[in-house]
Structure formats: C-alpha cells, structure tokens
Amino acid sequence: MEALYLLIPLSVLLVFGALWLFFRAADHGQFDDLVGPGLRVLQDDDRPPAPDDKKSD
C-alpha cells in the first residue's frame, strides 16, 4: 500500500511529461508532413543528372 503513495504521483508526472512532449512537438511542426519523407525514399535518384542541351561556346 505504501508503494502506491510513490507510484501514483510518479505515473501522473510521467503522463504530464509525455503530454508536454507531444504538444511541444506538435507546436514545432514535427507532425506537419507525414507523407513527404515516405515518398522521398521511393524517388530514384541513382541516375546521373542529364547534361544541358545549351552550348555556351
């Protein structure tokens, strides 16, 4: 029973800390673009860049 006097306040502090971290990340734009990084992985950029058609002589 005495352990509950320690564990309940610690769990409440842990929950408030997790909520604070979540809202801080949301305010700083952490969750703005959820699709972009996944699509960037799929882009094929192994090809060398195409040469320019313009001649500068």
N, C-alpha and C. Protein backbone atom coordinates (compact mmCIF):
# COMPACT_ATOMS: atom_id res chain seq x y z
N MET A 1 0.82 -1.20 0.00
CA MET A 1 0.00 0.00 0.00
C MET A 1 0.86 1.26 0.00
N GLU A 2 2.00 1.18 0.70
CA GLU A 2 2.85 2.37 0.76
C GLU A 2 3.50 2.68 -0.59
N ALA A 3 3.67 1.64 -1.41
CA ALA A 3 4.27 1.85 -2.73
C ALA A 3 3.36 2.70 -3.62
N LEU A 4 2.06 2.62 -3.40
CA LEU A 4 1.13 3.43 -4.20
C LEU A 4 1.31 4.92 -3.95
N TYR A 5 1.73 5.29 -2.77
CA TYR A 5 1.97 6.70 -2.46
C TYR A 5 3.11 7.27 -3.30
N LEU A 6 4.00 6.42 -3.74
CA LEU A 6 5.10 6.84 -4.60
C LEU A 6 4.75 6.64 -6.08
N LEU A 7 4.12 5.53 -6.41
CA LEU A 7 3.89 5.19 -7.82
C LEU A 7 2.82 6.05 -8.48
N ILE A 8 1.78 6.41 -7.75
CA ILE A 8 0.71 7.21 -8.36
C ILE A 8 1.20 8.61 -8.73
N PRO A 9 1.88 9.34 -7.85
CA PRO A 9 2.40 10.65 -8.28
C PRO A 9 3.44 10.54 -9.40
N LEU A 10 4.28 9.51 -9.37
CA LEU A 10 5.24 9.34 -10.45
C LEU A 10 4.56 9.06 -11.78
N SER A 11 3.52 8.26 -11.77
CA SER A 11 2.80 7.98 -13.02
C SER A 11 2.08 9.22 -13.54
N VAL A 12 1.54 10.02 -12.63
CA VAL A 12 0.88 11.26 -13.06
C VAL A 12 1.92 12.21 -13.67
N LEU A 13 3.10 12.31 -13.06
CA LEU A 13 4.16 13.15 -13.63
C LEU A 13 4.62 12.63 -14.98
N LEU A 14 4.68 11.33 -15.13
CA LEU A 14 5.08 10.73 -16.40
C LEU A 14 4.06 11.04 -17.50
N VAL A 15 2.79 10.97 -17.17
CA VAL A 15 1.74 11.27 -18.15
C VAL A 15 1.80 12.74 -18.54
N PHE A 16 1.95 13.64 -17.57
CA PHE A 16 2.04 15.07 -17.90
C PHE A 16 3.30 15.36 -18.71
N GLY A 17 4.40 14.69 -18.41
CA GLY A 17 5.61 14.87 -19.20
C GLY A 17 5.43 14.40 -20.63
N ALA A 18 4.78 13.27 -20.83
CA ALA A 18 4.53 12.76 -22.18
C ALA A 18 3.60 13.69 -22.94
N LEU A 19 2.58 14.22 -22.29
CA LEU A 19 1.68 15.17 -22.94
C LEU A 19 2.41 16.45 -23.31
N TRP A 20 3.27 16.92 -22.42
CA TRP A 20 4.04 18.13 -22.70
C TRP A 20 4.94 17.93 -23.92
N LEU A 21 5.62 16.77 -23.98
CA LEU A 21 6.47 16.49 -25.12
C LEU A 21 5.67 16.39 -26.43
N PHE A 22 4.51 15.77 -26.36
CA PHE A 22 3.68 15.65 -27.56
C PHE A 22 3.23 17.02 -28.06
N PHE A 23 2.71 17.86 -27.16
CA PHE A 23 2.22 19.17 -27.60
C PHE A 23 3.36 20.08 -28.02
N ARG A 24 4.52 19.92 -27.42
CA ARG A 24 5.68 20.71 -27.84
C ARG A 24 6.11 20.31 -29.25
N ALA A 25 6.12 19.02 -29.53
CA ALA A 25 6.47 18.56 -30.87
C ALA A 25 5.42 19.01 -31.89
N ALA A 26 4.17 18.98 -31.51
CA ALA A 26 3.11 19.41 -32.43
C ALA A 26 3.20 20.91 -32.71
N ASP A 27 3.56 21.70 -31.72
CA ASP A 27 3.69 23.14 -31.91
C ASP A 27 4.88 23.51 -32.77
N HIS A 28 5.92 22.69 -32.75
CA HIS A 28 7.12 22.99 -33.52
C HIS A 28 7.11 22.33 -34.90
N GLY A 29 5.97 21.81 -35.34
CA GLY A 29 5.82 21.31 -36.70
C GLY A 29 6.35 19.91 -36.94
N GLN A 30 6.50 19.13 -35.91
CA GLN A 30 7.03 17.77 -36.07
C GLN A 30 6.09 16.89 -36.90
N PHE A 31 4.79 17.13 -36.83
CA PHE A 31 3.82 16.26 -37.48
C PHE A 31 3.18 16.92 -38.70
N ASP A 32 3.81 17.97 -39.26
CA ASP A 32 3.21 18.67 -40.38
C ASP A 32 3.21 17.85 -41.66
N ASP A 33 4.31 17.22 -42.01
CA ASP A 33 4.41 16.48 -43.26
C ASP A 33 4.69 15.01 -42.96
N LEU A 34 3.64 14.21 -42.93
CA LEU A 34 3.81 12.79 -42.64
C LEU A 34 3.99 11.95 -43.89
N VAL A 35 3.65 12.50 -45.06
CA VAL A 35 3.70 11.74 -46.31
C VAL A 35 5.02 11.97 -47.04
N GLY A 36 5.57 13.16 -46.97
CA GLY A 36 6.76 13.53 -47.73
C GLY A 36 7.97 12.64 -47.52
N PRO A 37 8.38 12.36 -46.29
CA PRO A 37 9.55 11.51 -46.10
C PRO A 37 9.38 10.11 -46.68
N GLY A 38 8.19 9.57 -46.62
CA GLY A 38 7.94 8.25 -47.19
C GLY A 38 8.04 8.26 -48.71
N LEU A 39 7.62 9.35 -49.33
CA LEU A 39 7.71 9.44 -50.79
C LEU A 39 9.14 9.72 -51.24
N ARG A 40 9.91 10.45 -50.44
CA ARG A 40 11.30 10.72 -50.81
C ARG A 40 12.14 9.45 -50.84
N VAL A 41 11.78 8.47 -50.03
CA VAL A 41 12.51 7.20 -50.04
C VAL A 41 12.29 6.49 -51.37
N LEU A 42 11.12 6.64 -51.94
CA LEU A 42 10.79 5.93 -53.17
C LEU A 42 11.36 6.59 -54.42
N GLN A 43 11.81 7.82 -54.33
CA GLN A 43 12.34 8.51 -55.50
C GLN A 43 13.66 7.88 -55.93
N ASP A 44 13.79 7.68 -57.23
CA ASP A 44 15.00 7.06 -57.77
C ASP A 44 15.96 8.16 -58.19
N ASP A 45 16.99 8.40 -57.41
CA ASP A 45 17.97 9.41 -57.77
C ASP A 45 19.35 8.77 -57.95
N ASP A 46 19.37 7.52 -58.46
CA ASP A 46 20.63 6.86 -58.77
C ASP A 46 21.17 7.28 -60.14
N ARG A 47 20.31 7.84 -60.98
CA ARG A 47 20.73 8.26 -62.32
C ARG A 47 21.62 9.49 -62.24
N PRO A 48 22.59 9.60 -63.12
CA PRO A 48 23.38 10.84 -63.16
C PRO A 48 22.52 11.96 -63.74
N PRO A 49 22.79 13.19 -63.40
CA PRO A 49 21.98 14.30 -63.93
C PRO A 49 22.14 14.41 -65.44
N ALA A 50 21.06 14.79 -66.11
CA ALA A 50 21.07 14.92 -67.58
C ALA A 50 21.93 16.11 -67.96
N PRO A 51 22.71 16.00 -69.05
CA PRO A 51 23.54 17.14 -69.49
C PRO A 51 22.65 18.23 -70.06
N ASP A 52 23.13 19.46 -69.97
CA ASP A 52 22.39 20.60 -70.52
C ASP A 52 22.42 20.56 -72.06
N ASP A 53 21.31 20.93 -72.69
CA ASP A 53 21.26 20.98 -74.15
C ASP A 53 21.88 22.26 -74.70
N LYS A 54 22.02 23.27 -73.85
CA LYS A 54 22.56 24.55 -74.29
C LYS A 54 24.08 24.48 -74.35
N LYS A 55 24.61 25.01 -75.45
CA LYS A 55 26.06 25.08 -75.58
C LYS A 55 26.48 26.52 -75.29
N SER A 56 27.48 26.66 -74.46
CA SER A 56 27.89 28.02 -74.08
C SER A 56 29.13 28.48 -74.82
N ASP A 57 29.38 27.99 -76.12
CA ASP A 57 30.56 28.48 -76.84
C ASP A 57 30.28 29.80 -77.45
